[in-house]
PDB file of all heavy atoms in Angstrom:
ATOM      1  N   THR A   1      95.824  43.943 238.334  1.00  0.00           N
ATOM      2  CA  THR A   1      96.748  43.539 239.265  1.00  0.00           C
ATOM      3  C   THR A   1      96.412  42.233 239.929  1.00  0.00           C
ATOM      4  O   THR A   1      97.234  41.600 240.592  1.00  0.00           O
ATOM      5  CB  THR A   1      96.776  44.603 240.492  1.00  0.00           C
ATOM      6  OG1 THR A   1      95.443  44.744 241.062  1.00  0.00           O
ATOM      7  CG2 THR A   1      97.251  45.942 239.952  1.00  0.00           C
ATOM      8  N   ASP A   2      95.182  41.730 239.704  1.00  0.00           N
ATOM      9  CA  ASP A   2      94.766  40.405 240.162  1.00  0.00           C
ATOM     10  C   ASP A   2      93.812  39.848 239.135  1.00  0.00           C
ATOM     11  O   ASP A   2      92.723  40.397 238.923  1.00  0.00           O
ATOM     12  CB  ASP A   2      94.082  40.564 241.511  1.00  0.00           C
ATOM     13  CG  ASP A   2      93.670  39.241 242.152  1.00  0.00           C
ATOM     14  OD1 ASP A   2      93.072  38.397 241.430  1.00  0.00           O
ATOM     15  OD2 ASP A   2      94.002  39.011 243.309  1.00  0.00           O
ATOM     16  N   ARG A   3      94.214  38.735 238.434  1.00  0.00           N
ATOM     17  CA  ARG A   3      93.372  38.181 237.407  1.00  0.00           C
ATOM     18  C   ARG A   3      92.051  37.689 237.899  1.00  0.00           C
ATOM     19  O   ARG A   3      91.019  37.783 237.244  1.00  0.00           O
ATOM     20  CB  ARG A   3      94.145  37.068 236.635  1.00  0.00           C
ATOM     21  CG  ARG A   3      95.111  37.616 235.684  1.00  0.00           C
ATOM     22  CD  ARG A   3      95.735  36.476 234.819  1.00  0.00           C
ATOM     23  NE  ARG A   3      96.633  36.925 233.865  1.00  0.00           N
ATOM     24  CZ  ARG A   3      97.368  36.147 232.991  1.00  0.00           C
ATOM     25  NH1 ARG A   3      97.217  34.811 233.119  1.00  0.00           N
ATOM     26  NH2 ARG A   3      98.137  36.659 232.125  1.00  0.00           N
ATOM     27  N   ASP A   4      92.070  36.956 239.115  1.00  0.00           N
ATOM     28  CA  ASP A   4      90.862  36.430 239.624  1.00  0.00           C
ATOM     29  C   ASP A   4      89.819  37.473 239.973  1.00  0.00           C
ATOM     30  O   ASP A   4      88.651  37.369 239.632  1.00  0.00           O
ATOM     31  CB  ASP A   4      91.155  35.514 240.812  1.00  0.00           C
ATOM     32  CG  ASP A   4      92.004  34.363 240.463  1.00  0.00           C
ATOM     33  OD1 ASP A   4      91.922  33.840 239.329  1.00  0.00           O
ATOM     34  OD2 ASP A   4      92.794  33.861 241.361  1.00  0.00           O
ATOM     35  N   LYS A   5      90.266  38.520 240.612  1.00  0.00           N
ATOM     36  CA  LYS A   5      89.378  39.641 241.062  1.00  0.00           C
ATOM     37  C   LYS A   5      89.258  40.700 239.950  1.00  0.00           C
ATOM     38  O   LYS A   5      88.406  41.608 240.113  1.00  0.00           O
ATOM     39  CB  LYS A   5      89.885  40.283 242.318  1.00  0.00           C
ATOM     40  CG  LYS A   5      89.920  39.328 243.506  1.00  0.00           C
ATOM     41  CD  LYS A   5      90.493  39.959 244.709  1.00  0.00           C
ATOM     42  CE  LYS A   5      90.505  38.991 245.957  1.00  0.00           C
ATOM     43  NZ  LYS A   5      91.091  39.602 247.136  1.00  0.00           N
ATOM     44  N   ARG A   6      90.106  40.616 238.926  1.00  0.00           N
ATOM     45  CA  ARG A   6      90.020  41.561 237.777  1.00  0.00           C
ATOM     46  C   ARG A   6      90.180  43.069 238.270  1.00  0.00           C
ATOM     47  O   ARG A   6      89.488  43.936 237.816  1.00  0.00           O
ATOM     48  CB  ARG A   6      88.754  41.405 236.983  1.00  0.00           C
ATOM     49  CG  ARG A   6      88.633  39.938 236.474  1.00  0.00           C
ATOM     50  CD  ARG A   6      87.541  39.707 235.475  1.00  0.00           C
ATOM     51  NE  ARG A   6      87.497  38.282 235.199  1.00  0.00           N
ATOM     52  CZ  ARG A   6      86.953  37.734 234.123  1.00  0.00           C
ATOM     53  NH1 ARG A   6      86.407  38.499 233.213  1.00  0.00           N
ATOM     54  NH2 ARG A   6      86.968  36.441 233.958  1.00  0.00           N
ATOM     55  N   ILE A   7      91.086  43.249 239.235  1.00  0.00           N
ATOM     56  CA  ILE A   7      91.262  44.591 239.755  1.00  0.00           C
ATOM     57  C   ILE A   7      92.085  45.421 238.745  1.00  0.00           C
ATOM     58  O   ILE A   7      93.169  45.023 238.278  1.00  0.00           O
ATOM     59  CB  ILE A   7      92.134  44.526 241.052  1.00  0.00           C
ATOM     60  CG1 ILE A   7      91.357  43.713 242.109  1.00  0.00           C
ATOM     61  CG2 ILE A   7      92.484  45.886 241.540  1.00  0.00           C
ATOM     62  CD1 ILE A   7      92.146  43.451 243.339  1.00  0.00           C
ATOM     63  N   PRO A   8      91.525  46.608 238.297  1.00  0.00           N
ATOM     64  CA  PRO A   8      92.210  47.399 237.266  1.00  0.00           C
ATOM     65  C   PRO A   8      93.527  47.819 237.636  1.00  0.00           C
ATOM     66  O   PRO A   8      93.772  48.346 238.823  1.00  0.00           O
ATOM     67  CB  PRO A   8      91.219  48.595 237.108  1.00  0.00           C
ATOM     68  CG  PRO A   8      89.937  48.113 237.675  1.00  0.00           C
ATOM     69  CD  PRO A   8      90.331  47.167 238.726  1.00  0.00           C
ATOM     70  N   ALA A   9      94.507  47.664 236.772  1.00  0.00           N
ATOM     71  CA  ALA A   9      95.915  48.100 236.993  1.00  0.00           C
ATOM     72  C   ALA A   9      96.087  49.487 236.462  1.00  0.00           C
ATOM     73  O   ALA A   9      96.807  49.712 235.391  1.00  0.00           O
ATOM     74  CB  ALA A   9      96.885  47.079 236.407  1.00  0.00           C
ATOM     75  N   THR A  10      95.507  50.480 237.008  1.00  0.00           N
ATOM     76  CA  THR A  10      95.496  51.860 236.471  1.00  0.00           C
ATOM     77  C   THR A  10      96.910  52.508 236.444  1.00  0.00           C
ATOM     78  O   THR A  10      97.386  52.961 235.453  1.00  0.00           O
ATOM     79  CB  THR A  10      94.516  52.716 237.237  1.00  0.00           C
ATOM     80  OG1 THR A  10      93.213  52.139 237.147  1.00  0.00           O
ATOM     81  CG2 THR A  10      94.461  54.128 236.637  1.00  0.00           C
ATOM     82  N   ALA A  11      97.530  52.375 237.640  1.00  0.00           N
ATOM     83  CA  ALA A  11      98.875  52.995 237.754  1.00  0.00           C
ATOM     84  C   ALA A  11      99.882  52.247 236.806  1.00  0.00           C
ATOM     85  O   ALA A  11     100.738  52.917 236.164  1.00  0.00           O
ATOM     86  CB  ALA A  11      99.348  52.917 239.176  1.00  0.00           C
ATOM     87  N   GLU A  12      99.702  50.980 236.794  1.00  0.00           N
ATOM     88  CA  GLU A  12     100.630  50.132 235.983  1.00  0.00           C
ATOM     89  C   GLU A  12     100.446  50.413 234.463  1.00  0.00           C
ATOM     90  O   GLU A  12     101.416  50.432 233.699  1.00  0.00           O
ATOM     91  CB  GLU A  12     100.434  48.649 236.231  1.00  0.00           C
ATOM     92  CG  GLU A  12     100.885  48.244 237.662  1.00  0.00           C
ATOM     93  CD  GLU A  12      99.914  48.626 238.756  1.00  0.00           C
ATOM     94  OE1 GLU A  12      98.779  49.092 238.443  1.00  0.00           O
ATOM     95  OE2 GLU A  12     100.277  48.469 239.937  1.00  0.00           O
ATOM     96  N   ALA A  13      99.235  50.666 234.084  1.00  0.00           N
ATOM     97  CA  ALA A  13      98.954  51.032 232.640  1.00  0.00           C
ATOM     98  C   ALA A  13      99.659  52.257 232.268  1.00  0.00           C
ATOM     99  O   ALA A  13     100.246  52.427 231.181  1.00  0.00           O
ATOM    100  CB  ALA A  13      97.441  51.097 232.401  1.00  0.00           C
ATOM    101  N   LEU A  14      99.672  53.276 233.188  1.00  0.00           N
ATOM    102  CA  LEU A  14     100.316  54.546 232.884  1.00  0.00           C
ATOM    103  C   LEU A  14     101.862  54.316 232.844  1.00  0.00           C
ATOM    104  O   LEU A  14     102.536  54.855 232.001  1.00  0.00           O
ATOM    105  CB  LEU A  14      99.975  55.508 233.980  1.00  0.00           C
ATOM    106  CG  LEU A  14     100.629  56.894 233.882  1.00  0.00           C
ATOM    107  CD1 LEU A  14     100.312  57.564 232.592  1.00  0.00           C
ATOM    108  CD2 LEU A  14     100.287  57.803 235.068  1.00  0.00           C
ATOM    109  N   GLN A  15     102.371  53.435 233.711  1.00  0.00           N
ATOM    110  CA  GLN A  15     103.806  53.132 233.623  1.00  0.00           C
ATOM    111  C   GLN A  15     104.141  52.498 232.266  1.00  0.00           C
ATOM    112  O   GLN A  15     105.162  52.865 231.657  1.00  0.00           O
ATOM    113  CB  GLN A  15     104.126  52.095 234.709  1.00  0.00           C
ATOM    114  CG  GLN A  15     104.188  52.720 236.142  1.00  0.00           C
ATOM    115  CD  GLN A  15     104.631  51.650 237.106  1.00  0.00           C
ATOM    116  OE1 GLN A  15     105.658  51.032 236.959  1.00  0.00           O
ATOM    117  NE2 GLN A  15     103.782  51.432 238.169  1.00  0.00           N
ATOM    118  N   VAL A  16     103.298  51.556 231.818  1.00  0.00           N
ATOM    119  CA  VAL A  16     103.592  50.912 230.518  1.00  0.00           C
ATOM    120  C   VAL A  16     103.585  51.947 229.419  1.00  0.00           C
ATOM    121  O   VAL A  16     104.511  51.993 228.563  1.00  0.00           O
ATOM    122  CB  VAL A  16     102.531  49.842 230.269  1.00  0.00           C
ATOM    123  CG1 VAL A  16     102.643  49.312 228.730  1.00  0.00           C
ATOM    124  CG2 VAL A  16     102.702  48.647 231.233  1.00  0.00           C
ATOM    125  N   LYS A  17     102.573  52.822 229.399  1.00  0.00           N
ATOM    126  CA  LYS A  17     102.503  53.883 228.393  1.00  0.00           C
ATOM    127  C   LYS A  17     103.739  54.798 228.360  1.00  0.00           C
ATOM    128  O   LYS A  17     104.301  55.072 227.319  1.00  0.00           O
ATOM    129  CB  LYS A  17     101.292  54.767 228.618  1.00  0.00           C
ATOM    130  CG  LYS A  17     101.143  55.981 227.724  1.00  0.00           C
ATOM    131  CD  LYS A  17      99.935  56.763 228.133  1.00  0.00           C
ATOM    132  CE  LYS A  17      99.917  58.124 227.434  1.00  0.00           C
ATOM    133  NZ  LYS A  17      98.752  58.944 227.856  1.00  0.00           N
ATOM    134  N   THR A  18     104.201  55.142 229.588  1.00  0.00           N
ATOM    135  CA  THR A  18     105.358  56.061 229.707  1.00  0.00           C
ATOM    136  C   THR A  18     106.624  55.347 229.281  1.00  0.00           C
ATOM    137  O   THR A  18     107.510  55.888 228.574  1.00  0.00           O
ATOM    138  CB  THR A  18     105.447  56.549 231.160  1.00  0.00           C
ATOM    139  OG1 THR A  18     104.299  57.218 231.493  1.00  0.00           O
ATOM    140  CG2 THR A  18     106.615  57.486 231.294  1.00  0.00           C
ATOM    141  N   LYS A  19     106.815  54.111 229.680  1.00  0.00           N
ATOM    142  CA  LYS A  19     108.063  53.317 229.302  1.00  0.00           C
ATOM    143  C   LYS A  19     108.056  53.068 227.831  1.00  0.00           C
ATOM    144  O   LYS A  19     109.150  53.068 227.214  1.00  0.00           O
ATOM    145  CB  LYS A  19     108.027  52.016 230.112  1.00  0.00           C
ATOM    146  CG  LYS A  19     108.411  52.143 231.570  1.00  0.00           C
ATOM    147  CD  LYS A  19     108.413  50.856 232.320  1.00  0.00           C
ATOM    148  CE  LYS A  19     108.847  51.014 233.743  1.00  0.00           C
ATOM    149  NZ  LYS A  19     110.317  51.240 233.845  1.00  0.00           N
ATOM    150  N   LEU A  20     106.944  52.856 227.182  1.00  0.00           N
ATOM    151  CA  LEU A  20     106.889  52.639 225.754  1.00  0.00           C
ATOM    152  C   LEU A  20     107.331  53.940 224.986  1.00  0.00           C
ATOM    153  O   LEU A  20     108.052  53.899 224.060  1.00  0.00           O
ATOM    154  CB  LEU A  20     105.544  52.220 225.275  1.00  0.00           C
ATOM    155  CG  LEU A  20     105.192  50.757 225.590  1.00  0.00           C
ATOM    156  CD1 LEU A  20     103.685  50.528 225.231  1.00  0.00           C
ATOM    157  CD2 LEU A  20     106.041  49.769 224.863  1.00  0.00           C
ATOM    158  N   LYS A  21     106.865  55.065 225.530  1.00  0.00           N
ATOM    159  CA  LYS A  21     107.280  56.343 224.993  1.00  0.00           C
ATOM    160  C   LYS A  21     108.798  56.519 225.041  1.00  0.00           C
ATOM    161  O   LYS A  21     109.438  57.010 224.098  1.00  0.00           O
ATOM    162  CB  LYS A  21     106.615  57.531 225.739  1.00  0.00           C
ATOM    163  CG  LYS A  21     107.048  58.861 225.312  1.00  0.00           C
ATOM    164  CD  LYS A  21     106.950  59.844 226.448  1.00  0.00           C
ATOM    165  CE  LYS A  21     107.758  61.104 226.104  1.00  0.00           C
ATOM    166  NZ  LYS A  21     107.902  61.943 227.322  1.00  0.00           N
ATOM    167  N   ASP A  22     109.366  56.093 226.130  1.00  0.00           N
ATOM    168  CA  ASP A  22     110.848  56.148 226.312  1.00  0.00           C
ATOM    169  C   ASP A  22     111.585  55.269 225.261  1.00  0.00           C
ATOM    170  O   ASP A  22     112.706  55.449 224.958  1.00  0.00           O
ATOM    171  CB  ASP A  22     111.320  55.826 227.694  1.00  0.00           C
ATOM    172  CG  ASP A  22     110.801  56.824 228.683  1.00  0.00           C
ATOM    173  OD1 ASP A  22     110.510  57.940 228.347  1.00  0.00           O
ATOM    174  OD2 ASP A  22     110.774  56.462 229.942  1.00  0.00           O
ATOM    175  N   ARG A  23     110.802  54.283 224.778  1.00  0.00           N
ATOM    176  CA  ARG A  23     111.385  53.383 223.697  1.00  0.00           C
ATOM    177  C   ARG A  23     110.863  53.785 222.372  1.00  0.00           C
ATOM    178  O   ARG A  23     110.923  52.976 221.391  1.00  0.00           O
ATOM    179  CB  ARG A  23     110.940  51.920 224.045  1.00  0.00           C
ATOM    180  CG  ARG A  23     111.586  51.362 225.322  1.00  0.00           C
ATOM    181  CD  ARG A  23     110.784  50.137 225.801  1.00  0.00           C
ATOM    182  NE  ARG A  23     111.510  49.528 226.896  1.00  0.00           N
ATOM    183  CZ  ARG A  23     112.224  48.363 226.769  1.00  0.00           C
ATOM    184  NH1 ARG A  23     112.344  47.767 225.615  1.00  0.00           N
ATOM    185  NH2 ARG A  23     112.834  47.822 227.853  1.00  0.00           N
ATOM    186  N   TYR A  24     110.288  54.955 222.235  1.00  0.00           N
ATOM    187  CA  TYR A  24     109.910  55.518 220.946  1.00  0.00           C
ATOM    188  C   TYR A  24     108.747  54.757 220.343  1.00  0.00           C
ATOM    189  O   TYR A  24     108.662  54.561 219.111  1.00  0.00           O
ATOM    190  CB  TYR A  24     111.102  55.608 219.970  1.00  0.00           C
ATOM    191  CG  TYR A  24     112.243  56.358 220.525  1.00  0.00           C
ATOM    192  CD1 TYR A  24     113.265  55.757 221.243  1.00  0.00           C
ATOM    193  CD2 TYR A  24     112.264  57.771 220.447  1.00  0.00           C
ATOM    194  CE1 TYR A  24     114.267  56.476 221.846  1.00  0.00           C
ATOM    195  CE2 TYR A  24     113.273  58.508 221.000  1.00  0.00           C
ATOM    196  CZ  TYR A  24     114.247  57.913 221.731  1.00  0.00           C
ATOM    197  OH  TYR A  24     115.243  58.616 222.330  1.00  0.00           O
ATOM    198  N   ILE A  25     107.760  54.511 221.183  1.00  0.00           N
ATOM    199  CA  ILE A  25     106.506  53.926 220.808  1.00  0.00           C
ATOM    200  C   ILE A  25     105.362  54.670 221.411  1.00  0.00           C
ATOM    201  O   ILE A  25     105.392  54.907 222.637  1.00  0.00           O
ATOM    202  CB  ILE A  25     106.413  52.385 221.190  1.00  0.00           C
ATOM    203  CG1 ILE A  25     107.458  51.587 220.413  1.00  0.00           C
ATOM    204  CG2 ILE A  25     105.029  51.871 220.917  1.00  0.00           C
ATOM    205  CD1 ILE A  25     107.626  50.177 220.969  1.00  0.00           C
TER     206      ILE A  25
END
């Protein structure tokens, strides 16, 4: 969520995974 601080985007990663599934990936 922040490149300088390298804060893990945990919730966003789950969103990406779920949205890709909806696109058949």
